[in-house]
Amino acid sequence: VASGNNAALPHARPTNRKIKKGDFVVVDFGVKYQGYCSDETCTFAIGELTGDQKNAYRAVLRAHDEAIACIREGTAAADVDAVVRGALGDQYSRFFVHGTGHGVGLEVHEAPRLAPNSQDILKAGMVVTVEPGLYYPGRWGIRIEDTVFVKNNSCEKITKMNKKLIAIK
């Protein structure tokens, strides 16, 4: 769990900072069941957000959804990453500082890598994450992550959490 400026770190460390109004809170979690891992991240807001924060969240959600729509057997992992970066556009892509996703199985991070330089090709039966995010150093961060099962002509979301931006008053 990371909030405020700590949420601007993709792999944040715990601090004593209290969550405040205007913060994004990023929650990255998973479980292990019968030897298999899961991975999911959600971001929610505390109080009212600025227009810039709302627009950034919408951009990440759009990139997330476009990436999921392109995943199927035979898709190059680098192409999924390119879809995310294209959806984020010039305004946001410079704040996306990691790959789009990774395989999940017996380990939470395994092949394939959905990243710009990946040579991996998605195959039916693979389980991968889609986790675009934006990280504004010293300010705030957003990440939306789902785990999907790759099929012949599409993919199926394994994680089912609502991705609508929730603001806690």
C-alpha atoms as a PDB file:
ATOM      1  CA  VAL A   1       0.000   0.000   0.000  1.00  0.00           C
ATOM      2  CA  ALA A   2       1.423   3.363  -1.019  1.00  0.00           C
ATOM      3  CA  SER A   3      -0.075   6.844  -0.898  1.00  0.00           C
ATOM      4  CA  GLY A   4       0.769  10.382  -1.904  1.00  0.00           C
ATOM      5  CA  ASN A   5       4.344  10.887  -3.076  1.00  0.00           C
ATOM      6  CA  ASN A   6       5.216   7.299  -2.051  1.00  0.00           C
ATOM      7  CA  ALA A   7       2.714   6.090  -4.689  1.00  0.00           C
ATOM      8  CA  ALA A   8       5.032   7.658  -7.275  1.00  0.00           C
ATOM      9  CA  LEU A   9       7.410   4.722  -6.695  1.00  0.00           C
ATOM     10  CA  PRO A  10       6.459   1.553  -8.607  1.00  0.00           C
ATOM     11  CA  HIS A  11       7.862  -0.560  -5.747  1.00  0.00           C
ATOM     12  CA  ALA A  12       7.155   1.687  -2.767  1.00  0.00           C
ATOM     13  CA  ARG A  13       8.404   0.939   0.728  1.00  0.00           C
ATOM     14  CA  PRO A  14       6.295   1.376   3.868  1.00  0.00           C
ATOM     15  CA  THR A  15       6.549   4.716   5.656  1.00  0.00           C
ATOM     16  CA  ASN A  16       4.891   6.381   8.640  1.00  0.00           C
ATOM     17  CA  ARG A  17       3.200   8.945   6.382  1.00  0.00           C
ATOM     18  CA  LYS A  18      -0.526   9.292   7.020  1.00  0.00           C
ATOM     19  CA  ILE A  19      -2.929   9.127   4.101  1.00  0.00           C
ATOM     20  CA  LYS A  20      -4.355  12.581   3.313  1.00  0.00           C
ATOM     21  CA  LYS A  21      -7.180  14.094   1.294  1.00  0.00           C
ATOM     22  CA  GLY A  22      -6.173  14.467  -2.333  1.00  0.00           C
ATOM     23  CA  ASP A  23      -3.999  11.340  -2.237  1.00  0.00           C
ATOM     24  CA  PHE A  24      -4.064   8.434  -4.599  1.00  0.00           C
ATOM     25  CA  VAL A  25      -3.687   5.162  -2.699  1.00  0.00           C
ATOM     26  CA  VAL A  26      -2.126   2.322  -4.718  1.00  0.00           C
ATOM     27  CA  VAL A  27      -2.742  -1.200  -3.418  1.00  0.00           C
ATOM     28  CA  ASP A  28      -0.721  -4.001  -5.054  1.00  0.00           C
ATOM     29  CA  PHE A  29      -1.567  -7.474  -3.798  1.00  0.00           C
ATOM     30  CA  GLY A  30      -1.832 -11.130  -4.663  1.00  0.00           C
ATOM     31  CA  VAL A  31      -2.491 -14.541  -3.251  1.00  0.00           C
ATOM     32  CA  LYS A  32      -1.031 -17.983  -3.730  1.00  0.00           C
ATOM     33  CA  TYR A  33      -3.515 -20.837  -4.179  1.00  0.00           C
ATOM     34  CA  GLN A  34      -2.511 -24.453  -4.717  1.00  0.00           C
ATOM     35  CA  GLY A  35       0.968 -23.288  -5.678  1.00  0.00           C
ATOM     36  CA  TYR A  36      -0.115 -20.621  -8.200  1.00  0.00           C
ATOM     37  CA  CYS A  37       0.247 -16.874  -7.764  1.00  0.00           C
ATOM     38  CA  SER A  38      -2.001 -13.962  -8.612  1.00  0.00           C
ATOM     39  CA  ASP A  39      -1.211 -10.263  -8.954  1.00  0.00           C
ATOM     40  CA  GLU A  40      -3.528  -7.253  -8.960  1.00  0.00           C
ATOM     41  CA  THR A  41      -3.266  -3.531  -8.304  1.00  0.00           C
ATOM     42  CA  CYS A  42      -5.985  -0.988  -7.730  1.00  0.00           C
ATOM     43  CA  THR A  43      -5.799   2.740  -7.169  1.00  0.00           C
ATOM     44  CA  PHE A  44      -8.369   4.759  -5.294  1.00  0.00           C
ATOM     45  CA  ALA A  45      -8.657   8.368  -4.209  1.00  0.00           C
ATOM     46  CA  ILE A  46      -9.036  10.021  -0.841  1.00  0.00           C
ATOM     47  CA  GLY A  47     -11.372  13.008  -1.120  1.00  0.00           C
ATOM     48  CA  GLU A  48     -11.540  15.196  -4.189  1.00  0.00           C
ATOM     49  CA  LEU A  49      -8.924  14.933  -6.902  1.00  0.00           C
ATOM     50  CA  THR A  50      -7.638  17.579  -9.260  1.00  0.00           C
ATOM     51  CA  GLY A  51      -8.628  17.570 -12.915  1.00  0.00           C
ATOM     52  CA  ASP A  52      -5.075  16.459 -13.792  1.00  0.00           C
ATOM     53  CA  GLN A  53      -5.352  13.456 -11.468  1.00  0.00           C
ATOM     54  CA  LYS A  54      -8.737  12.443 -12.893  1.00  0.00           C
ATOM     55  CA  ASN A  55      -7.468  12.775 -16.481  1.00  0.00           C
ATOM     56  CA  ALA A  56      -4.356  10.733 -15.682  1.00  0.00           C
ATOM     57  CA  TYR A  57      -6.467   7.963 -14.123  1.00  0.00           C
ATOM     58  CA  ARG A  58      -8.699   7.876 -17.218  1.00  0.00           C
ATOM     59  CA  ALA A  59      -5.609   7.666 -19.451  1.00  0.00           C
ATOM     60  CA  VAL A  60      -4.216   4.702 -17.487  1.00  0.00           C
ATOM     61  CA  LEU A  61      -7.577   2.925 -17.548  1.00  0.00           C
ATOM     62  CA  ARG A  62      -7.883   3.461 -21.315  1.00  0.00           C
ATOM     63  CA  ALA A  63      -4.347   2.108 -21.863  1.00  0.00           C
ATOM     64  CA  HIS A  64      -5.124  -0.886 -19.616  1.00  0.00           C
ATOM     65  CA  ASP A  65      -8.334  -1.674 -21.507  1.00  0.00           C
ATOM     66  CA  GLU A  66      -6.715  -1.296 -24.947  1.00  0.00           C
ATOM     67  CA  ALA A  67      -3.897  -3.643 -23.936  1.00  0.00           C
ATOM     68  CA  ILE A  68      -6.317  -6.302 -22.709  1.00  0.00           C
ATOM     69  CA  ALA A  69      -8.293  -6.000 -25.949  1.00  0.00           C
ATOM     70  CA  CYS A  70      -5.201  -6.853 -28.036  1.00  0.00           C
ATOM     71  CA  ILE A  71      -4.028  -9.897 -26.056  1.00  0.00           C
ATOM     72  CA  ARG A  72      -4.437 -13.251 -27.785  1.00  0.00           C
ATOM     73  CA  GLU A  73      -2.262 -16.135 -28.908  1.00  0.00           C
ATOM     74  CA  GLY A  74       0.427 -15.005 -31.342  1.00  0.00           C
ATOM     75  CA  THR A  75       0.603 -11.405 -30.133  1.00  0.00           C
ATOM     76  CA  ALA A  76       4.123 -10.139 -29.530  1.00  0.00           C
ATOM     77  CA  ALA A  77       4.557  -9.097 -25.900  1.00  0.00           C
ATOM     78  CA  ALA A  78       6.353  -5.940 -27.089  1.00  0.00           C
ATOM     79  CA  ASP A  79       3.273  -5.053 -29.165  1.00  0.00           C
ATOM     80  CA  VAL A  80       1.079  -5.120 -26.044  1.00  0.00           C
ATOM     81  CA  ASP A  81       3.526  -2.716 -24.405  1.00  0.00           C
ATOM     82  CA  ALA A  82       3.445  -0.501 -27.517  1.00  0.00           C
ATOM     83  CA  VAL A  83      -0.365  -0.362 -27.341  1.00  0.00           C
ATOM     84  CA  VAL A  84      -0.135   0.955 -23.776  1.00  0.00           C
ATOM     85  CA  ARG A  85       2.491   3.550 -24.623  1.00  0.00           C
ATOM     86  CA  GLY A  86       0.514   4.633 -27.679  1.00  0.00           C
ATOM     87  CA  ALA A  87      -2.681   5.000 -25.658  1.00  0.00           C
ATOM     88  CA  LEU A  88      -0.838   7.087 -23.062  1.00  0.00           C
ATOM     89  CA  GLY A  89       0.515   9.339 -25.810  1.00  0.00           C
ATOM     90  CA  ASP A  90       3.111  12.074 -25.498  1.00  0.00           C
ATOM     91  CA  GLN A  91       1.339  13.681 -22.559  1.00  0.00           C
ATOM     92  CA  TYR A  92       1.659  10.664 -20.264  1.00  0.00           C
ATOM     93  CA  SER A  93       4.069   8.039 -21.638  1.00  0.00           C
ATOM     94  CA  ARG A  94       7.170   9.650 -20.099  1.00  0.00           C
ATOM     95  CA  PHE A  95       5.640   8.983 -16.659  1.00  0.00           C
ATOM     96  CA  PHE A  96       5.241   5.259 -17.425  1.00  0.00           C
ATOM     97  CA  VAL A  97       8.570   3.905 -16.201  1.00  0.00           C
ATOM     98  CA  HIS A  98       8.242   0.103 -16.332  1.00  0.00           C
ATOM     99  CA  GLY A  99       7.045  -2.623 -18.652  1.00  0.00           C
ATOM    100  CA  THR A 100       3.354  -3.289 -19.194  1.00  0.00           C
ATOM    101  CA  GLY A 101       3.326  -6.679 -17.509  1.00  0.00           C
ATOM    102  CA  HIS A 102       4.785 -10.095 -16.886  1.00  0.00           C
ATOM    103  CA  GLY A 103       3.893 -13.732 -16.667  1.00  0.00           C
ATOM    104  CA  VAL A 104       2.367 -15.145 -13.486  1.00  0.00           C
ATOM    105  CA  GLY A 105       2.406 -18.771 -12.410  1.00  0.00           C
ATOM    106  CA  LEU A 106       4.419 -20.613  -9.805  1.00  0.00           C
ATOM    107  CA  GLU A 107       6.207 -17.283  -9.253  1.00  0.00           C
ATOM    108  CA  VAL A 108       4.550 -13.878  -9.191  1.00  0.00           C
ATOM    109  CA  HIS A 109       7.048 -12.537 -11.771  1.00  0.00           C
ATOM    110  CA  GLU A 110       8.042 -14.889 -14.587  1.00  0.00           C
ATOM    111  CA  ALA A 111       8.185 -15.012 -18.382  1.00  0.00           C
ATOM    112  CA  PRO A 112       6.878 -13.649 -20.645  1.00  0.00           C
ATOM    113  CA  ARG A 113       7.784  -9.980 -20.198  1.00  0.00           C
ATOM    114  CA  LEU A 114       5.424  -7.422 -21.736  1.00  0.00           C
ATOM    115  CA  ALA A 115       8.031  -4.726 -22.307  1.00  0.00           C
ATOM    116  CA  PRO A 116       9.480  -2.685 -25.196  1.00  0.00           C
ATOM    117  CA  ASN A 117      12.466  -4.970 -25.879  1.00  0.00           C
ATOM    118  CA  SER A 118      10.746  -8.293 -25.195  1.00  0.00           C
ATOM    119  CA  GLN A 119      11.106 -11.016 -27.818  1.00  0.00           C
ATOM    120  CA  ASP A 120       8.327 -13.088 -26.206  1.00  0.00           C
ATOM    121  CA  ILE A 121       5.242 -14.188 -28.149  1.00  0.00           C
ATOM    122  CA  LEU A 122       2.040 -14.865 -26.210  1.00  0.00           C
ATOM    123  CA  LYS A 123       0.701 -18.411 -26.339  1.00  0.00           C
ATOM    124  CA  ALA A 124      -2.698 -19.779 -25.371  1.00  0.00           C
ATOM    125  CA  GLY A 125      -2.603 -20.951 -21.771  1.00  0.00           C
ATOM    126  CA  MET A 126      -0.186 -18.279 -20.566  1.00  0.00           C
ATOM    127  CA  VAL A 127      -1.191 -16.077 -17.649  1.00  0.00           C
ATOM    128  CA  VAL A 128       0.088 -12.484 -17.774  1.00  0.00           C
ATOM    129  CA  THR A 129      -0.475  -9.187 -16.034  1.00  0.00           C
ATOM    130  CA  VAL A 130      -1.428  -5.899 -17.640  1.00  0.00           C
ATOM    131  CA  GLU A 131      -0.337  -3.094 -15.318  1.00  0.00           C
ATOM    132  CA  PRO A 132       0.140   0.342 -16.832  1.00  0.00           C
ATOM    133  CA  GLY A 133       0.871   3.131 -14.402  1.00  0.00           C
ATOM    134  CA  LEU A 134       1.890   6.749 -14.199  1.00  0.00           C
ATOM    135  CA  TYR A 135       4.402   7.977 -11.629  1.00  0.00           C
ATOM    136  CA  TYR A 136       4.878  11.680 -10.925  1.00  0.00           C
ATOM    137  CA  PRO A 137       8.030  11.893  -8.751  1.00  0.00           C
ATOM    138  CA  GLY A 138       7.435  13.564  -5.414  1.00  0.00           C
ATOM    139  CA  ARG A 139       3.705  13.911  -6.110  1.00  0.00           C
ATOM    140  CA  TRP A 140       1.591  10.799  -6.772  1.00  0.00           C
ATOM    141  CA  GLY A 141       1.184   7.634  -8.777  1.00  0.00           C
ATOM    142  CA  ILE A 142      -1.497   5.450 -10.362  1.00  0.00           C
ATOM    143  CA  ARG A 143      -1.420   1.800 -11.412  1.00  0.00           C
ATOM    144  CA  ILE A 144      -4.232  -0.430 -12.668  1.00  0.00           C
ATOM    145  CA  GLU A 145      -3.433  -4.132 -12.923  1.00  0.00           C
ATOM    146  CA  ASP A 146      -5.304  -7.231 -13.958  1.00  0.00           C
ATOM    147  CA  THR A 147      -4.161 -10.792 -14.489  1.00  0.00           C
ATOM    148  CA  VAL A 148      -5.411 -12.374 -17.715  1.00  0.00           C
ATOM    149  CA  PHE A 149      -5.478 -15.865 -19.224  1.00  0.00           C
ATOM    150  CA  VAL A 150      -4.333 -15.880 -22.872  1.00  0.00           C
ATOM    151  CA  LYS A 151      -6.703 -17.713 -25.239  1.00  0.00           C
ATOM    152  CA  ASN A 152      -6.568 -18.426 -28.981  1.00  0.00           C
ATOM    153  CA  ASN A 153      -8.558 -15.361 -30.078  1.00  0.00           C
ATOM    154  CA  SER A 154      -8.790 -13.250 -26.932  1.00  0.00           C
ATOM    155  CA  CYS A 155      -7.966 -13.283 -23.261  1.00  0.00           C
ATOM    156  CA  GLU A 156     -10.011 -13.680 -20.104  1.00  0.00           C
ATOM    157  CA  LYS A 157      -9.595 -11.539 -17.005  1.00  0.00           C
ATOM    158  CA  ILE A 158      -8.868 -13.696 -13.988  1.00  0.00           C
ATOM    159  CA  THR A 159      -8.985 -10.754 -11.600  1.00  0.00           C
ATOM    160  CA  LYS A 160     -12.415  -9.178 -11.386  1.00  0.00           C
ATOM    161  CA  MET A 161     -12.038  -6.002  -9.319  1.00  0.00           C
ATOM    162  CA  ASN A 162     -13.976  -2.950 -10.518  1.00  0.00           C
ATOM    163  CA  LYS A 163     -11.601  -0.469 -12.165  1.00  0.00           C
ATOM    164  CA  LYS A 164     -13.849   2.580 -11.810  1.00  0.00           C
ATOM    165  CA  LEU A 165     -12.112   5.337  -9.846  1.00  0.00           C
ATOM    166  CA  ILE A 166     -13.427   5.189  -6.289  1.00  0.00           C
ATOM    167  CA  ALA A 167     -13.131   8.306  -4.141  1.00  0.00           C
ATOM    168  CA  ILE A 168     -13.367   7.811  -0.390  1.00  0.00           C
ATOM    169  CA  LYS A 169     -14.662  10.922   1.329  1.00  0.00           C
END
